[in-house]
Amino acid sequence: MFVMPSHIRSIVDHDGAVILDISRNTMATLNPTGAYIWQRLIQGMDIETIIVELARETKTEEIAVANDVSAFMEDLKSRHLVTIS
């Protein structure tokens, strides 16, 4: 399960998201698809459910979405924007 560290703040809208890492004094921006995933992570949705919903909504094969979401999550982890619990 992924957890948002307490030092992370974000704003999500239809254009994407902005994530502020207060402890590192850094900012990251996400496109609308990244914001879609981020918002659902914040809501506590598990990765598998996010993949299924995103694949359904974009009419894309789940395996392709799973690969992209996995790469996205690795990027978030490398930036210390999410942790695993």
PDB file of N, CA and C in Angstrom:
ATOM      1  N   MET A   1       0.844  -1.185   0.000  1.00  0.00           N
ATOM      2  CA  MET A   1       0.000   0.000   0.000  1.00  0.00           C
ATOM      3  C   MET A   1       0.887   1.245   0.000  1.00  0.00           C
ATOM      4  N   PHE A   2       0.476   2.210  -0.789  1.00  0.00           N
ATOM      5  CA  PHE A   2       1.229   3.454  -0.875  1.00  0.00           C
ATOM      6  C   PHE A   2       0.654   4.473   0.091  1.00  0.00           C
ATOM      7  N   VAL A   3       1.541   5.238   0.703  1.00  0.00           N
ATOM      8  CA  VAL A   3       1.148   6.236   1.689  1.00  0.00           C
ATOM      9  C   VAL A   3       1.752   7.574   1.284  1.00  0.00           C
ATOM     10  N   MET A   4       0.946   8.623   1.414  1.00  0.00           N
ATOM     11  CA  MET A   4       1.450   9.968   1.169  1.00  0.00           C
ATOM     12  C   MET A   4       2.141  10.452   2.435  1.00  0.00           C
ATOM     13  N   PRO A   5       3.396  10.809   2.354  1.00  0.00           N
ATOM     14  CA  PRO A   5       4.083  11.354   3.533  1.00  0.00           C
ATOM     15  C   PRO A   5       3.397  12.636   4.006  1.00  0.00           C
ATOM     16  N   SER A   6       3.486  12.911   5.291  1.00  0.00           N
ATOM     17  CA  SER A   6       2.794  14.069   5.867  1.00  0.00           C
ATOM     18  C   SER A   6       3.348  15.407   5.387  1.00  0.00           C
ATOM     19  N   HIS A   7       4.535  15.414   4.820  1.00  0.00           N
ATOM     20  CA  HIS A   7       5.138  16.663   4.359  1.00  0.00           C
ATOM     21  C   HIS A   7       4.789  16.980   2.903  1.00  0.00           C
ATOM     22  N   ILE A   8       3.848  16.252   2.331  1.00  0.00           N
ATOM     23  CA  ILE A   8       3.432  16.458   0.945  1.00  0.00           C
ATOM     24  C   ILE A   8       2.096  17.200   0.913  1.00  0.00           C
ATOM     25  N   ARG A   9       2.022  18.217   0.067  1.00  0.00           N
ATOM     26  CA  ARG A   9       0.775  18.951  -0.177  1.00  0.00           C
ATOM     27  C   ARG A   9       0.536  18.929  -1.679  1.00  0.00           C
ATOM     28  N   SER A  10      -0.725  18.920  -2.091  1.00  0.00           N
ATOM     29  CA  SER A  10      -1.009  18.901  -3.526  1.00  0.00           C
ATOM     30  C   SER A  10      -2.304  19.622  -3.842  1.00  0.00           C
ATOM     31  N   ILE A  11      -2.361  20.055  -5.088  1.00  0.00           N
ATOM     32  CA  ILE A  11      -3.566  20.661  -5.650  1.00  0.00           C
ATOM     33  C   ILE A  11      -3.822  19.942  -6.967  1.00  0.00           C
ATOM     34  N   VAL A  12      -5.055  19.446  -7.127  1.00  0.00           N
ATOM     35  CA  VAL A  12      -5.432  18.714  -8.334  1.00  0.00           C
ATOM     36  C   VAL A  12      -6.599  19.427  -8.987  1.00  0.00           C
ATOM     37  N   ASP A  13      -6.521  19.605 -10.316  1.00  0.00           N
ATOM     38  CA  ASP A  13      -7.652  20.109 -11.077  1.00  0.00           C
ATOM     39  C   ASP A  13      -7.680  19.402 -12.431  1.00  0.00           C
ATOM     40  N   HIS A  14      -8.554  19.842 -13.313  1.00  0.00           N
ATOM     41  CA  HIS A  14      -8.722  19.158 -14.605  1.00  0.00           C
ATOM     42  C   HIS A  14      -7.489  19.264 -15.515  1.00  0.00           C
ATOM     43  N   ASP A  15      -6.589  20.197 -15.238  1.00  0.00           N
ATOM     44  CA  ASP A  15      -5.385  20.369 -16.046  1.00  0.00           C
ATOM     45  C   ASP A  15      -4.208  19.535 -15.553  1.00  0.00           C
ATOM     46  N   GLY A  16      -4.296  18.997 -14.348  1.00  0.00           N
ATOM     47  CA  GLY A  16      -3.187  18.218 -13.786  1.00  0.00           C
ATOM     48  C   GLY A  16      -3.093  18.430 -12.291  1.00  0.00           C
ATOM     49  N   ALA A  17      -1.870  18.372 -11.778  1.00  0.00           N
ATOM     50  CA  ALA A  17      -1.665  18.533 -10.341  1.00  0.00           C
ATOM     51  C   ALA A  17      -0.313  19.175 -10.084  1.00  0.00           C
ATOM     52  N   VAL A  18      -0.232  19.837  -8.948  1.00  0.00           N
ATOM     53  CA  VAL A  18       1.028  20.378  -8.446  1.00  0.00           C
ATOM     54  C   VAL A  18       1.228  19.771  -7.072  1.00  0.00           C
ATOM     55  N   ILE A  19       2.412  19.205  -6.862  1.00  0.00           N
ATOM     56  CA  ILE A  19       2.732  18.555  -5.594  1.00  0.00           C
ATOM     57  C   ILE A  19       3.910  19.279  -4.973  1.00  0.00           C
ATOM     58  N   LEU A  20       3.754  19.689  -3.740  1.00  0.00           N
ATOM     59  CA  LEU A  20       4.808  20.380  -2.999  1.00  0.00           C
ATOM     60  C   LEU A  20       5.348  19.456  -1.917  1.00  0.00           C
ATOM     61  N   ASP A  21       6.651  19.252  -1.943  1.00  0.00           N
ATOM     62  CA  ASP A  21       7.335  18.487  -0.901  1.00  0.00           C
ATOM     63  C   ASP A  21       7.964  19.509   0.033  1.00  0.00           C
ATOM     64  N   ILE A  22       7.308  19.764   1.153  1.00  0.00           N
ATOM     65  CA  ILE A  22       7.734  20.802   2.088  1.00  0.00           C
ATOM     66  C   ILE A  22       9.112  20.506   2.675  1.00  0.00           C
ATOM     67  N   SER A  23       9.369  19.260   3.006  1.00  0.00           N
ATOM     68  CA  SER A  23      10.639  18.918   3.651  1.00  0.00           C
ATOM     69  C   SER A  23      11.835  19.073   2.712  1.00  0.00           C
ATOM     70  N   ARG A  24      11.623  18.886   1.419  1.00  0.00           N
ATOM     71  CA  ARG A  24      12.715  18.997   0.452  1.00  0.00           C
ATOM     72  C   ARG A  24      12.692  20.318  -0.319  1.00  0.00           C
ATOM     73  N   ASN A  25      11.642  21.104  -0.078  1.00  0.00           N
ATOM     74  CA  ASN A  25      11.473  22.377  -0.764  1.00  0.00           C
ATOM     75  C   ASN A  25      11.495  22.194  -2.283  1.00  0.00           C
ATOM     76  N   THR A  26      10.733  21.172  -2.751  1.00  0.00           N
ATOM     77  CA  THR A  26      10.637  20.900  -4.178  1.00  0.00           C
ATOM     78  C   THR A  26       9.178  20.856  -4.601  1.00  0.00           C
ATOM     79  N   MET A  27       8.985  20.998  -5.914  1.00  0.00           N
ATOM     80  CA  MET A  27       7.655  20.972  -6.478  1.00  0.00           C
ATOM     81  C   MET A  27       7.671  20.065  -7.699  1.00  0.00           C
ATOM     82  N   ALA A  28       6.589  19.324  -7.887  1.00  0.00           N
ATOM     83  CA  ALA A  28       6.433  18.478  -9.065  1.00  0.00           C
ATOM     84  C   ALA A  28       5.084  18.783  -9.698  1.00  0.00           C
ATOM     85  N   THR A  29       5.027  18.692 -11.008  1.00  0.00           N
ATOM     86  CA  THR A  29       3.760  18.871 -11.704  1.00  0.00           C
ATOM     87  C   THR A  29       3.393  17.566 -12.397  1.00  0.00           C
ATOM     88  N   LEU A  30       2.106  17.323 -12.498  1.00  0.00           N
ATOM     89  CA  LEU A  30       1.594  16.125 -13.148  1.00  0.00           C
ATOM     90  C   LEU A  30       0.620  16.507 -14.249  1.00  0.00           C
ATOM     91  N   ASN A  31       0.639  15.740 -15.330  1.00  0.00           N
ATOM     92  CA  ASN A  31      -0.344  15.946 -16.384  1.00  0.00           C
ATOM     93  C   ASN A  31      -1.694  15.401 -15.906  1.00  0.00           C
ATOM     94  N   PRO A  32      -2.759  15.547 -16.693  1.00  0.00           N
ATOM     95  CA  PRO A  32      -4.072  15.084 -16.225  1.00  0.00           C
ATOM     96  C   PRO A  32      -4.127  13.595 -15.855  1.00  0.00           C
ATOM     97  N   THR A  33      -3.411  12.746 -16.577  1.00  0.00           N
ATOM     98  CA  THR A  33      -3.416  11.325 -16.234  1.00  0.00           C
ATOM     99  C   THR A  33      -2.698  11.078 -14.911  1.00  0.00           C
ATOM    100  N   GLY A  34      -1.574  11.730 -14.718  1.00  0.00           N
ATOM    101  CA  GLY A  34      -0.874  11.631 -13.441  1.00  0.00           C
ATOM    102  C   GLY A  34      -1.733  12.139 -12.303  1.00  0.00           C
ATOM    103  N   ALA A  35      -2.450  13.232 -12.551  1.00  0.00           N
ATOM    104  CA  ALA A  35      -3.336  13.791 -11.525  1.00  0.00           C
ATOM    105  C   ALA A  35      -4.477  12.829 -11.207  1.00  0.00           C
ATOM    106  N   TYR A  36      -4.973  12.139 -12.225  1.00  0.00           N
ATOM    107  CA  TYR A  36      -6.023  11.127 -12.038  1.00  0.00           C
ATOM    108  C   TYR A  36      -5.539  10.054 -11.059  1.00  0.00           C
ATOM    109  N   ILE A  37      -4.340   9.551 -11.305  1.00  0.00           N
ATOM    110  CA  ILE A  37      -3.766   8.518 -10.447  1.00  0.00           C
ATOM    111  C   ILE A  37      -3.507   9.083  -9.052  1.00  0.00           C
ATOM    112  N   TRP A  38      -2.888  10.245  -8.978  1.00  0.00           N
ATOM    113  CA  TRP A  38      -2.547  10.877  -7.699  1.00  0.00           C
ATOM    114  C   TRP A  38      -3.790  11.073  -6.832  1.00  0.00           C
ATOM    115  N   GLN A  39      -4.846  11.595  -7.439  1.00  0.00           N
ATOM    116  CA  GLN A  39      -6.072  11.865  -6.687  1.00  0.00           C
ATOM    117  C   GLN A  39      -6.650  10.576  -6.100  1.00  0.00           C
ATOM    118  N   ARG A  40      -6.594   9.511  -6.864  1.00  0.00           N
ATOM    119  CA  ARG A  40      -7.122   8.248  -6.367  1.00  0.00           C
ATOM    120  C   ARG A  40      -6.229   7.639  -5.290  1.00  0.00           C
ATOM    121  N   LEU A  41      -4.935   7.857  -5.402  1.00  0.00           N
ATOM    122  CA  LEU A  41      -4.030   7.415  -4.330  1.00  0.00           C
ATOM    123  C   LEU A  41      -4.362   8.140  -3.034  1.00  0.00           C
ATOM    124  N   ILE A  42      -4.587   9.446  -3.119  1.00  0.00           N
ATOM    125  CA  ILE A  42      -4.941  10.237  -1.946  1.00  0.00           C
ATOM    126  C   ILE A  42      -6.239   9.714  -1.313  1.00  0.00           C
ATOM    127  N   GLN A  43      -7.164   9.285  -2.147  1.00  0.00           N
ATOM    128  CA  GLN A  43      -8.444   8.760  -1.661  1.00  0.00           C
ATOM    129  C   GLN A  43      -8.299   7.365  -1.056  1.00  0.00           C
ATOM    130  N   GLY A  44      -7.107   6.781  -1.155  1.00  0.00           N
ATOM    131  CA  GLY A  44      -6.870   5.465  -0.571  1.00  0.00           C
ATOM    132  C   GLY A  44      -7.149   4.299  -1.490  1.00  0.00           C
ATOM    133  N   MET A  45      -7.357   4.582  -2.764  1.00  0.00           N
ATOM    134  CA  MET A  45      -7.636   3.523  -3.718  1.00  0.00           C
ATOM    135  C   MET A  45      -6.365   2.708  -3.978  1.00  0.00           C
ATOM    136  N   ASP A  46      -6.514   1.405  -4.125  1.00  0.00           N
ATOM    137  CA  ASP A  46      -5.343   0.567  -4.387  1.00  0.00           C
ATOM    138  C   ASP A  46      -4.968   0.638  -5.873  1.00  0.00           C
ATOM    139  N   ILE A  47      -3.721   0.310  -6.150  1.00  0.00           N
ATOM    140  CA  ILE A  47      -3.174   0.434  -7.508  1.00  0.00           C
ATOM    141  C   ILE A  47      -3.960  -0.407  -8.506  1.00  0.00           C
ATOM    142  N   GLU A  48      -4.318  -1.623  -8.139  1.00  0.00           N
ATOM    143  CA  GLU A  48      -5.029  -2.504  -9.059  1.00  0.00           C
ATOM    144  C   GLU A  48      -6.363  -1.893  -9.489  1.00  0.00           C
ATOM    145  N   THR A  49      -7.085  -1.305  -8.548  1.00  0.00           N
ATOM    146  CA  THR A  49      -8.363  -0.672  -8.868  1.00  0.00           C
ATOM    147  C   THR A  49      -8.159   0.535  -9.768  1.00  0.00           C
ATOM    148  N   ILE A  50      -7.131   1.323  -9.495  1.00  0.00           N
ATOM    149  CA  ILE A  50      -6.823   2.478 -10.333  1.00  0.00           C
ATOM    150  C   ILE A  50      -6.550   2.017 -11.762  1.00  0.00           C
ATOM    151  N   ILE A  51      -5.776   0.964 -11.910  1.00  0.00           N
ATOM    152  CA  ILE A  51      -5.441   0.451 -13.243  1.00  0.00           C
ATOM    153  C   ILE A  51      -6.698   0.015 -13.986  1.00  0.00           C
ATOM    154  N   VAL A  52      -7.553  -0.743 -13.323  1.00  0.00           N
ATOM    155  CA  VAL A  52      -8.786  -1.231 -13.960  1.00  0.00           C
ATOM    156  C   VAL A  52      -9.664  -0.057 -14.389  1.00  0.00           C
ATOM    157  N   GLU A  53      -9.859   0.920 -13.503  1.00  0.00           N
ATOM    158  CA  GLU A  53     -10.713   2.072 -13.832  1.00  0.00           C
ATOM    159  C   GLU A  53     -10.116   2.911 -14.961  1.00  0.00           C
ATOM    160  N   LEU A  54      -8.801   3.149 -14.901  1.00  0.00           N
ATOM    161  CA  LEU A  54      -8.155   3.962 -15.935  1.00  0.00           C
ATOM    162  C   LEU A  54      -8.215   3.256 -17.285  1.00  0.00           C
ATOM    163  N   ALA A  55      -7.998   1.946 -17.298  1.00  0.00           N
ATOM    164  CA  ALA A  55      -8.089   1.183 -18.545  1.00  0.00           C
ATOM    165  C   ALA A  55      -9.501   1.253 -19.123  1.00  0.00           C
ATOM    166  N   ARG A  56     -10.482   1.108 -18.257  1.00  0.00           N
ATOM    167  CA  ARG A  56     -11.871   1.168 -18.706  1.00  0.00           C
ATOM    168  C   ARG A  56     -12.211   2.554 -19.262  1.00  0.00           C
ATOM    169  N   GLU A  57     -11.824   3.591 -18.536  1.00  0.00           N
ATOM    170  CA  GLU A  57     -12.162   4.955 -18.951  1.00  0.00           C
ATOM    171  C   GLU A  57     -11.440   5.382 -20.229  1.00  0.00           C
ATOM    172  N   THR A  58     -10.235   4.863 -20.439  1.00  0.00           N
ATOM    173  CA  THR A  58      -9.466   5.254 -21.637  1.00  0.00           C
ATOM    174  C   THR A  58      -9.571   4.232 -22.753  1.00  0.00           C
ATOM    175  N   LYS A  59     -10.313   3.143 -22.497  1.00  0.00           N
ATOM    176  CA  LYS A  59     -10.471   2.066 -23.475  1.00  0.00           C
ATOM    177  C   LYS A  59      -9.102   1.551 -23.950  1.00  0.00           C
ATOM    178  N   THR A  60      -8.231   1.315 -22.958  1.00  0.00           N
ATOM    179  CA  THR A  60      -6.876   0.834 -23.193  1.00  0.00           C
ATOM    180  C   THR A  60      -6.718  -0.504 -22.500  1.00  0.00           C
ATOM    181  N   GLU A  61      -5.879  -1.362 -23.046  1.00  0.00           N
ATOM    182  CA  GLU A  61      -5.667  -2.669 -22.420  1.00  0.00           C
ATOM    183  C   GLU A  61      -5.041  -2.494 -21.046  1.00  0.00           C
ATOM    184  N   GLU A  62      -5.512  -3.314 -20.109  1.00  0.00           N
ATOM    185  CA  GLU A  62      -5.039  -3.208 -18.724  1.00  0.00           C
ATOM    186  C   GLU A  62      -3.534  -3.396 -18.603  1.00  0.00           C
ATOM    187  N   ILE A  63      -2.942  -4.269 -19.384  1.00  0.00           N
ATOM    188  CA  ILE A  63      -1.496  -4.517 -19.278  1.00  0.00           C
ATOM    189  C   ILE A  63      -0.706  -3.263 -19.642  1.00  0.00           C
ATOM    190  N   ALA A  64      -1.153  -2.542 -20.643  1.00  0.00           N
ATOM    191  CA  ALA A  64      -0.478  -1.302 -21.030  1.00  0.00           C
ATOM    192  C   ALA A  64      -0.610  -0.257 -19.933  1.00  0.00           C
ATOM    193  N   VAL A  65      -1.812  -0.145 -19.375  1.00  0.00           N
ATOM    194  CA  VAL A  65      -2.039   0.807 -18.288  1.00  0.00           C
ATOM    195  C   VAL A  65      -1.219   0.400 -17.073  1.00  0.00           C
ATOM    196  N   ALA A  66      -1.181  -0.885 -16.771  1.00  0.00           N
ATOM    197  CA  ALA A  66      -0.419  -1.372 -15.612  1.00  0.00           C
ATOM    198  C   ALA A  66       1.058  -1.028 -15.753  1.00  0.00           C
ATOM    199  N   ASN A  67       1.608  -1.193 -16.935  1.00  0.00           N
ATOM    200  CA  ASN A  67       3.021  -0.852 -17.151  1.00  0.00           C
ATOM    201  C   ASN A  67       3.268   0.637 -16.943  1.00  0.00           C
ATOM    202  N   ASP A  68       2.381   1.467 -17.487  1.00  0.00           N
ATOM    203  CA  ASP A  68       2.537   2.919 -17.336  1.00  0.00           C
ATOM    204  C   ASP A  68       2.360   3.359 -15.884  1.00  0.00           C
ATOM    205  N   VAL A  69       1.381   2.798 -15.205  1.00  0.00           N
ATOM    206  CA  VAL A  69       1.138   3.159 -13.804  1.00  0.00           C
ATOM    207  C   VAL A  69       2.317   2.714 -12.945  1.00  0.00           C
ATOM    208  N   SER A  70       2.853   1.547 -13.235  1.00  0.00           N
ATOM    209  CA  SER A  70       4.016   1.057 -12.484  1.00  0.00           C
ATOM    210  C   SER A  70       5.201   2.009 -12.642  1.00  0.00           C
ATOM    211  N   ALA A  71       5.463   2.442 -13.857  1.00  0.00           N
ATOM    212  CA  ALA A  71       6.557   3.388 -14.101  1.00  0.00           C
ATOM    213  C   ALA A  71       6.287   4.714 -13.395  1.00  0.00           C
ATOM    214  N   PHE A  72       5.049   5.165 -13.416  1.00  0.00           N
ATOM    215  CA  PHE A  72       4.665   6.406 -12.743  1.00  0.00           C
ATOM    216  C   PHE A  72       4.893   6.295 -11.239  1.00  0.00           C
ATOM    217  N   MET A  73       4.490   5.170 -10.659  1.00  0.00           N
ATOM    218  CA  MET A  73       4.667   4.975  -9.225  1.00  0.00           C
ATOM    219  C   MET A  73       6.146   4.924  -8.856  1.00  0.00           C
ATOM    220  N   GLU A  74       6.953   4.295  -9.669  1.00  0.00           N
ATOM    221  CA  GLU A  74       8.394   4.267  -9.418  1.00  0.00           C
ATOM    222  C   GLU A  74       8.967   5.684  -9.443  1.00  0.00           C
ATOM    223  N   ASP A  75       8.473   6.500 -10.358  1.00  0.00           N
ATOM    224  CA  ASP A  75       8.922   7.894 -10.421  1.00  0.00           C
ATOM    225  C   ASP A  75       8.518   8.644  -9.156  1.00  0.00           C
ATOM    226  N   LEU A  76       7.292   8.454  -8.702  1.00  0.00           N
ATOM    227  CA  LEU A  76       6.847   9.107  -7.463  1.00  0.00           C
ATOM    228  C   LEU A  76       7.697   8.662  -6.277  1.00  0.00           C
ATOM    229  N   LYS A  77       7.991   7.355  -6.203  1.00  0.00           N
ATOM    230  CA  LYS A  77       8.826   6.847  -5.113  1.00  0.00           C
ATOM    231  C   LYS A  77      10.231   7.438  -5.186  1.00  0.00           C
ATOM    232  N   SER A  78      10.792   7.539  -6.370  1.00  0.00           N
ATOM    233  CA  SER A  78      12.151   8.077  -6.496  1.00  0.00           C
ATOM    234  C   SER A  78      12.216   9.547  -6.098  1.00  0.00           C
ATOM    235  N   ARG A  79      11.090  10.240  -6.224  1.00  0.00           N
ATOM    236  CA  ARG A  79      11.023  11.655  -5.809  1.00  0.00           C
ATOM    237  C   ARG A  79      10.602  11.807  -4.350  1.00  0.00           C
ATOM    238  N   HIS A  80      10.397  10.680  -3.671  1.00  0.00           N
ATOM    239  CA  HIS A  80       9.976  10.655  -2.264  1.00  0.00           C
ATOM    240  C   HIS A  80       8.598  11.260  -2.054  1.00  0.00           C
ATOM    241  N   LEU A  81       7.733  11.116  -3.063  1.00  0.00           N
ATOM    242  CA  LEU A  81       6.376  11.647  -2.956  1.00  0.00           C
ATOM    243  C   LEU A  81       5.391  10.619  -2.419  1.00  0.00           C
ATOM    244  N   VAL A  82       5.751   9.350  -2.478  1.00  0.00           N
ATOM    245  CA  VAL A  82       4.977   8.283  -1.856  1.00  0.00           C
ATOM    246  C   VAL A  82       5.942   7.317  -1.185  1.00  0.00           C
ATOM    247  N   THR A  83       5.430   6.605  -0.205  1.00  0.00           N
ATOM    248  CA  THR A  83       6.218   5.552   0.454  1.00  0.00           C
ATOM    249  C   THR A  83       5.375   4.295   0.484  1.00  0.00           C
ATOM    250  N   ILE A  84       6.019   3.185   0.731  1.00  0.00           N
ATOM    251  CA  ILE A  84       5.311   1.917   0.827  1.00  0.00           C
ATOM    252  C   ILE A  84       5.170   1.559   2.293  1.00  0.00           C
ATOM    253  N   SER A  85       3.945   1.154   2.675  1.00  0.00           N
ATOM    254  CA  SER A  85       3.746   0.727   4.068  1.00  0.00           C
ATOM    255  C   SER A  85       3.284  -0.706   4.111  1.00  0.00           C
TER     256      SER A  85
END
